[in-house]
Amino acid sequence: MGMRIVASRPDPAILTLPWSLPLADWSDDFVVPLPRGLSRHVVRIVRLKDRTYAVKETQEEIAFREYRLLRDLQREKLPSVVPQGVVTGRTHDGEELPAALLTEHLKFSLPYRSLFSHGMTADNLPSLIDAIVVLLVRLHLAGFFWGDVSLSNVLFRRSAGSFAAYLVDAETGELNDHVSTGMREHDLTVGCENIFAELMDLQASGAVGTEVDGHAIVTRLREQYAALWAELTDEEEFSAGDLWRIERRIERLNDLGFDVDELDIVTDFDGDIVRIRPKVVELGHHRRELQSLTGMDVEDNQARRLLNDLAAFTAHFDLGGEDRHLVAAKWMTEVYEPIVAMIPPDARGKLEPAEVFHEILVHRWYLSERAGSEVDIFETARDYIANELTRRPTEIIATED
């Protein structure tokens, strides 16, 4: 039987890759110098015209299983890489080669080791852990048992000074109706063990300039996971006269970035006691709000930052009585888009536009504090681009020649 390609998003250019060669032997004609994390498999990043893929060699059965599981995660709108296809039936000089799993490369994403070569310090580790906590809680709420939680199996995208985590390797995962307490505990235990070892290895390699308190980091993982899981799932009991607490619970979840799609409300026989428990929660509260107003699709923390600036713009020009969509359009055309247009072409691969805008807002705070008065946003943008952005390393490979 000849070579077979099963793809969810057919791309004829895939046929042009040198499938008759082992992945380790692919030349620079196809492989691009994007950072990639540690893996038990041979992995290469390739560019085909305007699209970039990660290619991983593995056993055929495992490749198809992971491909289907990643498709399921995408249908559930969970943060993971997007599967492209599986290639089987590869041979080299008459010898069978492993199957290959293709996934779309996640733009502006970096493995944790690369973040440290891009200016991150040990002080940023809590932000990485918090991002993994949010990812793990979301997966568990959706019924996904990971089985191999680690920094190496995650890609990170910057999100308004913090990070968003995306699952990369689903090889050991399972998607069920729900995840038991024992399975959640297993994921936490494995995650703590793996992350502790990865941090110690990172420190031993000299990639982190200061000492890393691995025990404090894994303790944070457990504590943050427990706190977020409780906020999203715990039952809350109160008297019928305190129904305002329902709205407060929803507001707390919104502040965490979650929307409540379904809330279970139960009263006792006399109706004196009310018990509430969130049944369906979904991350992306701020992201969806910004998208409905502007059409932009960004990370949730970035969306929160942009919404705050939109609110400040609304207050400054006394536009509170105007239609929010019209005000958002005015802010886009008068503030956001002109600032993004100021980014030089050779600096557009350094950070996503929404992240650049966030950093400009932070930069304005520092400049204003130094000046003793608020500095104009466009003056701030010029200073930031000239003195900060142009010095940063590129975090995306160019997709055009």
Protein backbone atom coordinates (compact mmCIF):
# COMPACT_ATOMS: atom_id res chain seq x y z
CA MET A 1 0.00 0.00 0.00
CA GLY A 2 1.27 3.49 -0.82
CA MET A 3 1.38 6.59 1.31
CA ARG A 4 -1.93 7.73 2.84
CA ILE A 5 -2.86 11.16 4.16
CA VAL A 6 -5.91 11.73 6.35
CA ALA A 7 -6.50 15.46 6.81
CA SER A 8 -9.27 17.57 8.33
CA ARG A 9 -8.13 20.69 6.48
CA PRO A 10 -6.74 19.50 3.14
CA ASP A 11 -3.62 21.40 2.04
CA PRO A 12 -2.21 20.12 -1.28
CA ALA A 13 1.21 21.55 -0.36
CA ILE A 14 1.58 18.78 2.24
CA LEU A 15 2.27 16.38 -0.64
CA THR A 16 5.45 18.32 -1.47
CA LEU A 17 7.14 17.44 1.83
CA PRO A 18 9.91 14.77 1.69
CA TRP A 19 7.86 12.01 3.32
CA SER A 20 10.25 9.32 2.04
CA LEU A 21 12.95 10.62 4.40
CA PRO A 22 13.09 10.20 8.18
CA LEU A 23 11.98 13.42 9.85
CA ALA A 24 15.42 13.86 11.42
CA ASP A 25 16.92 14.10 7.89
CA TRP A 26 14.64 16.87 6.58
CA SER A 27 16.69 19.78 5.30
CA ASP A 28 16.44 23.50 5.90
CA ASP A 29 14.58 23.74 2.59
CA PHE A 30 11.50 22.67 4.58
CA VAL A 31 12.33 23.09 8.27
CA VAL A 32 12.09 26.58 9.80
CA PRO A 33 13.95 27.75 12.92
CA LEU A 34 10.99 28.04 15.24
CA PRO A 35 11.60 27.12 18.90
CA ARG A 36 10.20 23.74 19.84
CA GLY A 37 9.90 22.10 23.23
CA LEU A 38 11.33 18.88 24.52
CA SER A 39 9.65 15.77 23.13
CA ARG A 40 10.06 12.01 23.29
CA HIS A 41 9.49 12.03 19.52
CA VAL A 42 11.27 13.62 16.57
CA VAL A 43 9.45 16.90 15.85
CA ARG A 44 10.07 19.43 13.10
CA ILE A 45 8.45 22.78 12.27
CA VAL A 46 7.84 23.26 8.54
CA ARG A 47 6.47 26.10 6.43
CA LEU A 48 4.35 25.55 3.35
CA LYS A 49 3.56 28.82 1.58
CA ASP A 50 1.66 30.88 4.17
CA ARG A 51 1.02 28.07 6.66
CA THR A 52 3.29 26.60 9.32
CA TYR A 53 2.98 23.10 10.77
CA ALA A 54 4.52 20.96 13.49
CA VAL A 55 5.25 17.41 12.29
CA LYS A 56 5.76 14.61 14.82
CA GLU A 57 6.82 11.04 14.11
CA THR A 58 5.06 8.36 16.13
CA GLN A 59 3.30 5.02 15.82
CA GLU A 60 0.32 4.92 13.46
CA GLU A 61 -2.22 3.93 16.11
CA ILE A 62 -1.00 6.64 18.47
CA ALA A 63 -0.99 9.27 15.70
CA PHE A 64 -4.62 8.58 14.75
CA ARG A 65 -5.71 8.47 18.38
CA GLU A 66 -4.09 11.83 19.16
CA TYR A 67 -5.40 13.33 15.92
CA ARG A 68 -8.99 12.39 16.79
CA LEU A 69 -8.59 13.52 20.39
CA LEU A 70 -7.26 16.91 19.33
CA ARG A 71 -10.22 17.26 16.97
CA ASP A 72 -12.55 16.51 19.89
CA LEU A 73 -10.81 19.17 22.00
CA GLN A 74 -11.24 21.68 19.19
CA ARG A 75 -14.95 20.91 18.99
CA GLU A 76 -15.14 21.59 22.73
CA LYS A 77 -13.32 24.91 22.11
CA LEU A 78 -10.54 23.94 24.49
CA PRO A 79 -7.07 25.52 24.21
CA SER A 80 -4.98 23.05 22.23
CA VAL A 81 -3.07 22.93 18.98
CA VAL A 82 -5.20 22.37 15.87
CA PRO A 83 -4.76 18.96 14.19
CA GLN A 84 -4.12 18.99 10.47
CA GLY A 85 -3.73 15.35 9.53
CA VAL A 86 -1.90 12.02 9.75
CA VAL A 87 0.50 10.59 7.17
CA THR A 88 1.03 6.82 7.03
CA GLY A 89 2.60 4.34 4.62
CA ARG A 90 5.94 6.16 4.51
CA THR A 91 8.99 4.18 3.39
CA HIS A 92 12.71 4.85 2.91
CA ASP A 93 14.87 2.48 0.86
CA GLY A 94 12.26 -0.20 1.35
CA GLU A 95 12.13 0.29 5.13
CA GLU A 96 8.93 1.40 6.83
CA LEU A 97 9.00 4.83 8.49
CA PRO A 98 6.88 5.98 11.44
CA ALA A 99 3.56 7.69 10.89
CA ALA A 100 3.50 11.47 11.16
CA LEU A 101 1.00 13.70 12.95
CA LEU A 102 0.63 17.26 11.61
CA THR A 103 -0.70 20.11 13.69
CA GLU A 104 -0.93 23.79 12.83
CA HIS A 105 1.73 25.86 14.50
CA LEU A 106 0.26 28.23 17.08
CA LYS A 107 1.36 31.74 16.13
CA PHE A 108 3.26 33.78 18.70
CA SER A 109 3.57 30.74 20.97
CA LEU A 110 6.74 29.55 22.68
CA PRO A 111 7.79 26.50 24.70
CA TYR A 112 8.73 27.34 28.28
CA ARG A 113 12.49 27.02 27.70
CA SER A 114 12.41 29.56 24.89
CA LEU A 115 10.62 32.09 27.10
CA PHE A 116 13.74 32.32 29.25
CA SER A 117 15.89 33.10 26.21
CA HIS A 118 13.37 35.83 25.37
CA GLY A 119 13.85 37.79 28.55
CA MET A 120 11.76 35.87 31.10
CA THR A 121 13.11 35.44 34.64
CA ALA A 122 12.28 33.23 37.60
CA ASP A 123 9.95 36.00 38.80
CA ASN A 124 7.62 35.11 35.90
CA LEU A 125 7.29 31.44 36.88
CA PRO A 126 4.12 31.99 38.97
CA SER A 127 2.45 33.38 35.82
CA LEU A 128 3.35 30.22 33.90
CA ILE A 129 1.97 28.06 36.70
CA ASP A 130 -1.24 30.10 36.85
CA ALA A 131 -1.68 29.60 33.09
CA ILE A 132 -1.24 25.84 33.45
CA VAL A 133 -3.75 25.84 36.33
CA VAL A 134 -6.38 27.54 34.17
CA LEU A 135 -5.67 25.10 31.33
CA LEU A 136 -5.85 22.05 33.60
CA VAL A 137 -9.08 23.18 35.29
CA ARG A 138 -10.70 23.85 31.91
CA LEU A 139 -9.67 20.42 30.64
CA HIS A 140 -10.96 18.69 33.77
CA LEU A 141 -14.27 20.55 33.63
CA ALA A 142 -14.69 19.30 30.06
CA GLY A 143 -13.97 15.69 31.08
CA PHE A 144 -10.40 15.53 29.76
CA PHE A 145 -7.89 13.47 31.74
CA TRP A 146 -4.40 14.55 30.64
CA GLY A 147 -2.18 11.86 32.11
CA ASP A 148 1.09 13.72 31.44
CA VAL A 149 0.86 17.27 32.77
CA SER A 150 4.16 19.10 32.26
CA LEU A 151 5.65 22.35 31.05
CA SER A 152 7.05 20.49 28.03
CA ASN A 153 3.56 19.53 26.83
CA VAL A 154 2.36 23.13 26.75
CA LEU A 155 2.88 26.15 24.49
CA PHE A 156 2.56 29.60 26.01
CA ARG A 157 1.24 32.79 24.44
CA ARG A 158 1.71 36.18 26.05
CA SER A 159 -1.51 37.69 27.36
CA ALA A 160 -1.34 41.25 28.71
CA GLY A 161 1.70 40.63 30.88
CA SER A 162 0.68 37.12 31.86
CA PHE A 163 0.37 33.94 29.78
CA ALA A 164 -2.21 31.66 28.19
CA ALA A 165 -1.37 27.95 28.01
CA TYR A 166 -2.26 25.58 25.16
CA LEU A 167 -2.07 21.79 25.26
CA VAL A 168 0.36 20.41 22.67
CA ASP A 169 0.72 16.71 23.43
CA ALA A 170 -2.53 14.78 23.97
CA GLU A 171 -0.98 11.36 23.44
CA THR A 172 -1.79 10.12 26.96
CA GLY A 173 -5.13 11.91 27.29
CA GLU A 174 -8.70 10.65 27.52
CA LEU A 175 -11.94 12.55 26.94
CA ASN A 176 -14.80 11.29 29.12
CA ASP A 177 -18.13 12.57 30.38
CA HIS A 178 -16.39 13.69 33.56
CA VAL A 179 -13.07 13.42 35.37
CA SER A 180 -13.16 11.74 38.79
CA THR A 181 -11.52 13.19 41.88
CA GLY A 182 -8.91 10.42 41.69
CA MET A 183 -8.08 11.27 38.08
CA ARG A 184 -7.79 14.96 38.90
CA GLU A 185 -5.48 14.14 41.80
CA HIS A 186 -3.39 11.93 39.52
CA ASP A 187 -2.97 14.76 37.02
CA LEU A 188 -1.97 17.14 39.81
CA THR A 189 0.56 14.69 41.25
CA VAL A 190 2.11 13.96 37.88
CA GLY A 191 2.14 17.67 37.06
CA CYS A 192 3.91 18.54 40.31
CA GLU A 193 6.53 15.84 39.78
CA ASN A 194 7.18 16.72 36.14
CA ILE A 195 7.24 20.48 36.65
CA PHE A 196 9.55 20.22 39.66
CA ALA A 197 11.99 18.11 37.63
CA GLU A 198 11.76 20.46 34.64
CA LEU A 199 12.48 23.51 36.81
CA MET A 200 15.48 21.85 38.45
CA ASP A 201 16.80 20.88 35.01
CA LEU A 202 16.22 24.44 33.80
CA GLN A 203 18.19 25.81 36.75
CA ALA A 204 21.01 23.30 36.27
CA SER A 205 21.33 24.35 32.63
CA GLY A 206 21.92 27.96 33.66
CA ALA A 207 18.88 29.21 31.74
CA VAL A 208 17.50 30.84 34.91
CA GLY A 209 19.74 33.47 36.41
CA THR A 210 18.46 33.11 39.98
CA GLU A 211 17.66 30.14 42.16
CA VAL A 212 14.27 28.54 41.58
CA ASP A 213 12.24 27.42 44.59
CA GLY A 214 10.74 24.31 43.01
CA HIS A 215 8.81 23.36 46.13
CA ALA A 216 7.12 26.78 46.28
CA ILE A 217 6.20 26.53 42.61
CA VAL A 218 4.53 23.12 42.85
CA THR A 219 2.80 24.20 46.08
CA ARG A 220 1.39 27.14 44.14
CA LEU A 221 0.18 24.75 41.43
CA ARG A 222 -1.83 22.73 43.95
CA GLU A 223 -3.17 25.73 45.87
CA GLN A 224 -4.19 27.71 42.79
CA TYR A 225 -5.82 24.66 41.24
CA ALA A 226 -7.81 23.95 44.42
CA ALA A 227 -8.93 27.59 44.72
CA LEU A 228 -10.04 27.89 41.09
CA TRP A 229 -11.75 24.50 41.06
CA ALA A 230 -13.66 25.40 44.22
CA GLU A 231 -14.76 28.78 42.86
CA LEU A 232 -16.01 27.19 39.66
CA THR A 233 -17.73 24.12 41.14
CA ASP A 234 -18.48 24.47 44.88
CA GLU A 235 -22.02 24.64 46.17
CA GLU A 236 -22.90 27.83 48.03
CA GLU A 237 -25.72 27.98 50.60
CA PHE A 238 -27.52 31.07 51.91
CA SER A 239 -30.92 32.28 53.10
CA ALA A 240 -33.69 33.22 50.69
CA GLY A 241 -33.28 36.85 51.75
CA ASP A 242 -29.74 36.94 50.32
CA LEU A 243 -30.51 36.27 46.68
CA TRP A 244 -28.04 39.04 45.76
CA ARG A 245 -25.35 36.45 46.41
CA ILE A 246 -26.31 34.72 43.16
CA GLU A 247 -25.32 37.80 41.22
CA ARG A 248 -22.16 38.19 43.30
CA ARG A 249 -21.11 34.60 42.52
CA ILE A 250 -21.61 35.26 38.81
CA GLU A 251 -19.65 38.52 39.05
CA ARG A 252 -16.75 36.72 40.77
CA LEU A 253 -16.65 34.16 37.99
CA ASN A 254 -16.78 36.95 35.39
CA ASP A 255 -13.84 38.63 37.11
CA LEU A 256 -11.92 35.37 36.74
CA GLY A 257 -12.75 35.44 33.04
CA PHE A 258 -15.49 32.78 33.12
CA ASP A 259 -19.09 32.99 31.95
CA VAL A 260 -21.79 30.95 33.70
CA ASP A 261 -23.76 29.16 31.02
CA GLU A 262 -25.86 27.12 33.47
CA LEU A 263 -26.48 27.55 37.20
CA ASP A 264 -28.13 24.92 39.39
CA ILE A 265 -30.37 26.61 42.00
CA VAL A 266 -32.13 24.49 44.65
CA THR A 267 -34.25 25.55 47.62
CA ASP A 268 -35.27 23.56 50.69
CA PHE A 269 -38.89 22.48 51.32
CA ASP A 270 -39.90 25.82 52.84
CA GLY A 271 -37.90 27.92 50.41
CA ASP A 272 -35.87 29.47 53.26
CA ILE A 273 -32.50 28.09 52.16
CA VAL A 274 -31.06 28.46 48.67
CA ARG A 275 -28.18 26.40 47.30
CA ILE A 276 -26.39 27.33 44.09
CA ARG A 277 -23.74 25.50 42.12
CA PRO A 278 -22.34 26.44 38.68
CA LYS A 279 -23.01 23.58 36.27
CA VAL A 280 -21.51 24.91 33.03
CA VAL A 281 -18.78 27.56 33.03
CA GLU A 282 -16.70 28.71 30.10
CA LEU A 283 -13.54 30.82 30.02
CA GLY A 284 -13.52 33.80 27.67
CA HIS A 285 -15.91 36.33 29.25
CA HIS A 286 -13.82 39.38 28.31
CA ARG A 287 -12.71 37.85 25.02
CA ARG A 288 -16.30 37.37 23.88
CA GLU A 289 -17.32 40.84 25.02
CA LEU A 290 -14.49 42.49 23.09
CA GLN A 291 -15.17 40.36 20.04
CA SER A 292 -18.84 41.36 20.03
CA LEU A 293 -17.86 45.04 20.20
CA THR A 294 -14.86 45.14 17.85
CA GLY A 295 -14.56 41.80 16.05
CA MET A 296 -11.08 41.28 17.52
CA ASP A 297 -10.16 37.79 18.74
CA VAL A 298 -7.47 37.99 21.41
CA GLU A 299 -6.54 36.24 24.66
CA ASP A 300 -8.87 36.90 27.59
CA ASN A 301 -6.40 38.97 29.65
CA GLN A 302 -5.61 41.06 26.58
CA ALA A 303 -9.33 41.58 26.04
CA ARG A 304 -9.77 42.72 29.64
CA ARG A 305 -6.96 45.25 29.16
CA LEU A 306 -8.42 46.58 25.92
CA LEU A 307 -11.90 46.81 27.44
CA ASN A 308 -10.46 48.85 30.31
CA ASP A 309 -8.89 51.28 27.83
CA LEU A 310 -12.17 51.43 25.92
CA ALA A 311 -13.94 52.28 29.18
CA ALA A 312 -11.39 55.05 29.90
CA PHE A 313 -11.89 56.38 26.36
CA THR A 314 -15.67 56.36 26.89
CA ALA A 315 -15.37 58.27 30.17
CA HIS A 316 -12.82 60.78 28.84
CA PHE A 317 -15.04 61.83 25.96
CA ASP A 318 -18.26 61.50 28.00
CA LEU A 319 -19.68 58.88 25.64
CA GLY A 320 -21.40 56.80 28.32
CA GLY A 321 -24.83 57.49 26.85
CA GLU A 322 -23.83 56.38 23.35
CA ASP A 323 -24.28 52.93 21.81
CA ARG A 324 -21.33 50.80 22.97
CA HIS A 325 -20.71 49.38 19.51
CA LEU A 326 -20.45 52.88 18.04
CA VAL A 327 -18.10 53.98 20.82
CA ALA A 328 -15.99 50.86 20.29
CA ALA A 329 -15.77 51.62 16.56
CA LYS A 330 -14.67 55.19 17.37
CA TRP A 331 -11.99 53.88 19.78
CA MET A 332 -10.79 51.38 17.16
CA THR A 333 -10.43 53.99 14.41
CA GLU A 334 -9.04 56.80 16.60
CA VAL A 335 -6.82 54.90 19.05
CA TYR A 336 -6.18 51.19 18.56
CA GLU A 337 -5.77 50.94 14.79
CA PRO A 338 -3.55 54.05 14.42
CA ILE A 339 -1.25 52.76 17.16
CA VAL A 340 -1.00 49.29 15.61
CA ALA A 341 -0.23 50.95 12.27
CA MET A 342 2.78 52.64 13.92
CA ILE A 343 4.52 49.28 14.42
CA PRO A 344 7.32 49.03 11.81
CA PRO A 345 7.05 46.07 9.40
CA ASP A 346 10.29 44.55 10.73
CA ALA A 347 8.91 44.58 14.30
CA ARG A 348 5.53 42.97 13.63
CA GLY A 349 6.83 39.50 14.41
CA LYS A 350 7.94 40.41 17.91
CA LEU A 351 4.57 40.52 19.68
CA GLU A 352 0.90 40.28 18.75
CA PRO A 353 -0.72 43.71 18.18
CA ALA A 354 -2.93 43.37 21.28
CA GLU A 355 0.14 42.57 23.39
CA VAL A 356 1.99 45.57 21.95
CA PHE A 357 -0.98 47.78 22.84
CA HIS A 358 -0.98 46.40 26.40
CA GLU A 359 2.75 47.09 26.78
CA ILE A 360 2.26 50.62 25.48
CA LEU A 361 -0.37 51.20 28.19
CA VAL A 362 2.08 49.92 30.82
CA HIS A 363 4.84 52.08 29.31
CA ARG A 364 2.56 55.13 29.49
CA TRP A 365 2.14 54.57 33.23
CA TYR A 366 5.92 54.65 33.74
CA LEU A 367 6.42 57.68 31.49
CA SER A 368 3.54 59.54 33.17
CA GLU A 369 4.90 58.78 36.62
CA ARG A 370 8.30 60.11 35.58
CA ALA A 371 6.78 63.23 33.97
CA GLY A 372 4.34 63.92 36.80
CA SER A 373 1.45 64.12 34.36
CA GLU A 374 -0.28 61.82 31.86
CA VAL A 375 1.70 61.34 28.67
CA ASP A 376 -0.15 61.21 25.35
CA ILE A 377 -0.79 57.64 24.14
CA PHE A 378 0.73 58.31 20.70
CA GLU A 379 3.82 59.91 22.19
CA THR A 380 4.09 56.87 24.44
CA ALA A 381 3.73 54.53 21.47
CA ARG A 382 6.58 56.26 19.60
CA ASP A 383 8.85 56.02 22.65
CA TYR A 384 7.97 52.39 23.34
CA ILE A 385 8.46 51.27 19.73
CA ALA A 386 11.81 53.07 19.42
CA ASN A 387 13.28 52.09 22.79
CA GLU A 388 11.57 48.84 23.80
CA LEU A 389 9.86 46.94 21.01
CA THR A 390 12.70 47.09 18.49
CA ARG A 391 15.04 45.50 21.04
CA ARG A 392 12.85 42.48 21.68
CA PRO A 393 13.54 39.15 19.96
CA THR A 394 11.18 38.00 17.24
CA GLU A 395 8.58 35.53 18.51
CA ILE A 396 7.04 34.54 15.20
CA ILE A 397 8.66 33.26 12.05
CA ALA A 398 7.87 35.29 8.94
CA THR A 399 5.24 33.57 6.84
CA GLU A 400 6.10 35.46 3.69
CA ASP A 401 9.39 35.76 1.81
